[in-house]
């Protein structure tokens, strides 16, 4: 089929799923509570940037799980939970 000289565009469902959208983002949760969205604004942005941010702030006793477009952070320490939520609320809203 003639396409008028335009470059080919992915047509299959798999091609569309693999294509990066300009508005890709991940929902971030701390102990089940939604704290914001981590947008992927550049090709170098990754959901793990959140974990790197927390490590730079001295947090070590937590776990992360990526499920689909949801990034779950879990900690048993209630004070860490409170501080992580506070930090991520700022971090995720200025990015």
N, C-alpha and C. Protein backbone atom coordinates (compact mmCIF):
# COMPACT_ATOMS: atom_id res chain seq x y z
N UNK A 1 0.84 -1.18 0.00
CA UNK A 1 0.00 0.00 0.00
C UNK A 1 0.89 1.24 0.00
N UNK A 2 0.54 2.20 -0.80
CA UNK A 2 1.29 3.44 -0.92
C UNK A 2 1.00 4.33 0.30
N UNK A 3 2.06 4.88 0.89
CA UNK A 3 1.88 5.71 2.09
C UNK A 3 2.23 7.17 1.86
N UNK A 4 2.35 7.58 0.63
CA UNK A 4 2.61 8.98 0.34
C UNK A 4 4.01 9.44 0.71
N UNK A 5 4.96 8.51 0.80
CA UNK A 5 6.33 8.88 1.12
C UNK A 5 6.60 9.06 2.60
N UNK A 6 5.63 8.73 3.45
CA UNK A 6 5.82 8.85 4.89
C UNK A 6 6.60 7.65 5.41
N UNK A 7 7.38 7.84 6.47
CA UNK A 7 8.10 6.70 7.04
C UNK A 7 7.10 5.70 7.63
N UNK A 8 7.48 4.44 7.69
CA UNK A 8 6.57 3.44 8.24
C UNK A 8 6.26 3.71 9.70
N UNK A 9 5.07 3.39 10.09
CA UNK A 9 4.61 3.57 11.47
C UNK A 9 4.19 2.21 12.01
N UNK A 10 4.54 1.90 13.26
CA UNK A 10 4.17 0.59 13.80
C UNK A 10 2.66 0.40 13.78
N UNK A 11 2.23 -0.76 13.30
CA UNK A 11 0.80 -1.02 13.20
C UNK A 11 0.33 -2.12 14.12
N UNK A 12 1.20 -3.05 14.46
CA UNK A 12 0.80 -4.18 15.30
C UNK A 12 0.70 -3.79 16.76
N UNK A 13 -0.09 -4.53 17.52
CA UNK A 13 -0.26 -4.24 18.95
C UNK A 13 1.07 -4.31 19.69
N UNK A 14 1.91 -5.27 19.34
CA UNK A 14 3.21 -5.41 20.02
C UNK A 14 4.09 -4.19 19.74
N UNK A 15 4.06 -3.68 18.51
CA UNK A 15 4.85 -2.50 18.17
C UNK A 15 4.38 -1.29 18.96
N UNK A 16 3.09 -1.14 19.13
CA UNK A 16 2.55 0.00 19.86
C UNK A 16 2.93 -0.09 21.33
N UNK A 17 2.89 -1.30 21.91
CA UNK A 17 3.25 -1.46 23.31
C UNK A 17 4.71 -1.15 23.56
N UNK A 18 5.58 -1.44 22.59
CA UNK A 18 7.01 -1.20 22.75
C UNK A 18 7.39 0.25 22.50
N UNK A 19 6.53 1.02 21.84
CA UNK A 19 6.84 2.41 21.53
C UNK A 19 6.75 3.24 22.80
N UNK A 20 7.75 4.08 23.07
CA UNK A 20 7.74 4.94 24.25
C UNK A 20 6.85 6.14 23.98
N UNK A 21 5.93 6.38 24.89
CA UNK A 21 5.05 7.53 24.78
C UNK A 21 5.67 8.69 25.55
N UNK A 22 5.38 9.89 25.12
CA UNK A 22 5.96 11.05 25.79
C UNK A 22 5.41 11.23 27.19
N UNK A 23 4.32 10.57 27.51
CA UNK A 23 3.71 10.73 28.83
C UNK A 23 3.81 9.46 29.68
N UNK A 24 4.80 8.61 29.40
CA UNK A 24 4.99 7.42 30.24
C UNK A 24 5.21 7.87 31.68
N UNK A 25 4.56 7.18 32.61
CA UNK A 25 4.73 7.51 34.02
C UNK A 25 4.38 6.29 34.86
N UNK A 26 4.86 6.32 36.07
CA UNK A 26 4.62 5.24 37.02
C UNK A 26 3.95 5.81 38.26
N UNK A 27 2.97 5.09 38.78
CA UNK A 27 2.36 5.45 40.04
C UNK A 27 3.28 4.96 41.15
N UNK A 28 3.52 5.80 42.14
CA UNK A 28 4.43 5.44 43.23
C UNK A 28 3.60 5.30 44.52
N UNK A 29 3.83 4.18 45.21
CA UNK A 29 3.13 3.88 46.46
C UNK A 29 4.15 3.63 47.55
N UNK A 30 3.83 4.06 48.77
CA UNK A 30 4.64 3.73 49.95
C UNK A 30 3.72 3.00 50.92
N UNK A 31 4.05 1.76 51.20
CA UNK A 31 3.23 0.91 52.07
C UNK A 31 1.76 0.95 51.66
N UNK A 32 1.51 0.92 50.37
CA UNK A 32 0.15 0.86 49.85
C UNK A 32 -0.51 2.21 49.64
N UNK A 33 0.09 3.29 50.12
CA UNK A 33 -0.48 4.63 49.96
C UNK A 33 0.11 5.31 48.73
N UNK A 34 -0.77 5.82 47.88
CA UNK A 34 -0.33 6.52 46.66
C UNK A 34 0.31 7.84 47.06
N UNK A 35 1.55 8.08 46.57
CA UNK A 35 2.24 9.33 46.90
C UNK A 35 2.48 10.21 45.68
N UNK A 36 2.25 9.69 44.48
CA UNK A 36 2.43 10.53 43.29
C UNK A 36 2.78 9.71 42.07
N UNK A 37 3.21 10.43 41.04
CA UNK A 37 3.57 9.82 39.76
C UNK A 37 5.02 10.15 39.43
N UNK A 38 5.72 9.17 38.90
CA UNK A 38 7.09 9.37 38.42
C UNK A 38 7.03 9.41 36.90
N UNK A 39 7.05 10.62 36.31
CA UNK A 39 7.03 10.70 34.84
C UNK A 39 8.40 10.37 34.27
N UNK A 40 8.41 9.75 33.12
CA UNK A 40 9.66 9.47 32.41
C UNK A 40 9.77 10.51 31.31
N UNK A 41 10.46 11.60 31.62
CA UNK A 41 10.50 12.76 30.72
C UNK A 41 11.59 12.66 29.67
N UNK A 42 12.65 11.92 29.95
CA UNK A 42 13.75 11.77 29.00
C UNK A 42 14.03 10.28 28.81
N UNK A 43 14.74 9.92 27.76
CA UNK A 43 15.07 8.50 27.57
C UNK A 43 15.89 7.90 28.72
N UNK A 44 16.60 8.74 29.47
CA UNK A 44 17.42 8.25 30.58
C UNK A 44 16.63 8.08 31.87
N UNK A 45 15.43 8.63 31.97
CA UNK A 45 14.62 8.50 33.18
C UNK A 45 14.16 7.06 33.34
N UNK A 46 14.21 6.58 34.58
CA UNK A 46 13.79 5.22 34.93
C UNK A 46 12.99 5.27 36.22
N UNK A 47 12.10 4.31 36.44
CA UNK A 47 11.40 4.25 37.73
C UNK A 47 12.39 4.11 38.89
N UNK A 48 13.52 3.46 38.66
CA UNK A 48 14.51 3.25 39.72
C UNK A 48 15.17 4.56 40.17
N UNK A 49 14.92 5.66 39.48
CA UNK A 49 15.42 6.96 39.93
C UNK A 49 14.88 7.28 41.32
N UNK A 50 13.67 6.81 41.62
CA UNK A 50 13.08 7.03 42.94
C UNK A 50 13.91 6.33 44.01
N UNK A 51 14.31 5.10 43.74
CA UNK A 51 15.14 4.35 44.69
C UNK A 51 16.50 5.02 44.88
N UNK A 52 17.09 5.47 43.80
CA UNK A 52 18.38 6.17 43.87
C UNK A 52 18.24 7.44 44.73
N UNK A 53 17.15 8.16 44.55
CA UNK A 53 16.88 9.37 45.33
C UNK A 53 16.81 9.03 46.83
N UNK A 54 16.09 7.97 47.17
CA UNK A 54 15.97 7.58 48.58
C UNK A 54 17.32 7.15 49.15
N UNK A 55 18.09 6.42 48.38
CA UNK A 55 19.42 6.00 48.84
C UNK A 55 20.32 7.20 49.09
N UNK A 56 20.24 8.21 48.24
CA UNK A 56 21.04 9.42 48.41
C UNK A 56 20.64 10.17 49.68
N UNK A 57 19.43 9.96 50.14
CA UNK A 57 18.93 10.61 51.35
C UNK A 57 19.15 9.74 52.59
N UNK A 58 19.84 8.61 52.42
CA UNK A 58 20.21 7.79 53.56
C UNK A 58 19.25 6.66 53.91
N UNK A 59 18.23 6.44 53.13
CA UNK A 59 17.29 5.35 53.41
C UNK A 59 17.85 4.05 52.84
N UNK A 60 17.82 3.01 53.67
CA UNK A 60 18.34 1.71 53.24
C UNK A 60 17.40 0.56 53.55
N UNK A 61 16.57 0.71 54.56
CA UNK A 61 15.73 -0.40 55.01
C UNK A 61 14.34 -0.32 54.40
N UNK A 62 14.29 -0.63 53.12
CA UNK A 62 13.02 -0.68 52.40
C UNK A 62 13.19 -1.62 51.22
N UNK A 63 12.08 -2.02 50.65
CA UNK A 63 12.13 -2.86 49.45
C UNK A 63 11.28 -2.19 48.38
N UNK A 64 11.57 -2.53 47.14
CA UNK A 64 10.80 -1.98 46.02
C UNK A 64 10.31 -3.13 45.14
N UNK A 65 9.17 -2.89 44.52
CA UNK A 65 8.61 -3.86 43.60
C UNK A 65 7.93 -3.09 42.47
N UNK A 66 8.30 -3.43 41.25
CA UNK A 66 7.70 -2.82 40.07
C UNK A 66 6.70 -3.80 39.49
N UNK A 67 5.43 -3.39 39.46
CA UNK A 67 4.37 -4.23 38.91
C UNK A 67 3.62 -3.41 37.87
N UNK A 68 3.86 -3.74 36.61
CA UNK A 68 3.22 -2.96 35.54
C UNK A 68 3.70 -1.53 35.60
N UNK A 69 2.76 -0.59 35.76
CA UNK A 69 3.12 0.82 35.86
C UNK A 69 3.04 1.32 37.30
N UNK A 70 3.15 0.40 38.26
CA UNK A 70 3.10 0.77 39.67
C UNK A 70 4.43 0.42 40.34
N UNK A 71 4.96 1.39 41.07
CA UNK A 71 6.23 1.25 41.77
C UNK A 71 5.92 1.25 43.27
N UNK A 72 6.08 0.10 43.91
CA UNK A 72 5.73 -0.05 45.32
C UNK A 72 6.98 -0.04 46.19
N UNK A 73 6.96 0.83 47.19
CA UNK A 73 8.04 0.92 48.17
C UNK A 73 7.46 0.46 49.50
N UNK A 74 8.16 -0.46 50.15
CA UNK A 74 7.67 -0.99 51.42
C UNK A 74 8.75 -0.87 52.48
N UNK A 75 8.34 -0.40 53.66
CA UNK A 75 9.24 -0.31 54.80
C UNK A 75 8.47 -0.70 56.05
N UNK A 76 9.17 -1.28 57.00
CA UNK A 76 8.54 -1.68 58.27
C UNK A 76 8.66 -0.58 59.32
N UNK A 77 9.58 0.33 59.12
CA UNK A 77 9.84 1.40 60.07
C UNK A 77 8.85 2.54 59.82
N UNK A 78 7.99 2.81 60.81
CA UNK A 78 6.95 3.84 60.66
C UNK A 78 7.53 5.24 60.46
N UNK A 79 8.63 5.54 61.15
CA UNK A 79 9.25 6.86 60.98
C UNK A 79 9.83 7.00 59.57
N UNK A 80 10.48 5.95 59.06
CA UNK A 80 10.97 5.97 57.68
C UNK A 80 9.81 6.14 56.71
N UNK A 81 8.72 5.44 56.95
CA UNK A 81 7.54 5.55 56.08
C UNK A 81 7.07 7.01 56.01
N UNK A 82 6.96 7.65 57.16
CA UNK A 82 6.51 9.04 57.20
C UNK A 82 7.48 9.95 56.44
N UNK A 83 8.78 9.77 56.67
CA UNK A 83 9.77 10.62 56.02
C UNK A 83 9.85 10.36 54.52
N UNK A 84 9.75 9.10 54.11
CA UNK A 84 9.79 8.76 52.68
C UNK A 84 8.59 9.38 51.97
N UNK A 85 7.42 9.28 52.57
CA UNK A 85 6.22 9.87 51.96
C UNK A 85 6.39 11.38 51.80
N UNK A 86 6.92 12.02 52.83
CA UNK A 86 7.12 13.47 52.79
C UNK A 86 8.12 13.85 51.70
N UNK A 87 9.26 13.16 51.65
CA UNK A 87 10.28 13.45 50.63
C UNK A 87 9.76 13.20 49.22
N UNK A 88 9.08 12.07 49.02
CA UNK A 88 8.59 11.75 47.67
C UNK A 88 7.48 12.68 47.23
N UNK A 89 6.69 13.17 48.17
CA UNK A 89 5.66 14.13 47.81
C UNK A 89 6.28 15.36 47.16
N UNK A 90 7.40 15.81 47.70
CA UNK A 90 8.11 16.96 47.12
C UNK A 90 8.81 16.54 45.82
N UNK A 91 9.58 15.46 45.87
CA UNK A 91 10.36 15.00 44.71
C UNK A 91 9.48 14.76 43.49
N UNK A 92 8.37 14.09 43.67
CA UNK A 92 7.51 13.73 42.54
C UNK A 92 6.73 14.92 42.00
N UNK A 93 6.57 15.96 42.80
CA UNK A 93 5.83 17.13 42.34
C UNK A 93 6.70 18.20 41.70
N UNK A 94 8.02 18.12 41.88
CA UNK A 94 8.89 19.11 41.25
C UNK A 94 9.52 18.58 39.98
N UNK A 95 9.36 17.32 39.66
CA UNK A 95 9.98 16.71 38.48
C UNK A 95 9.10 16.87 37.28
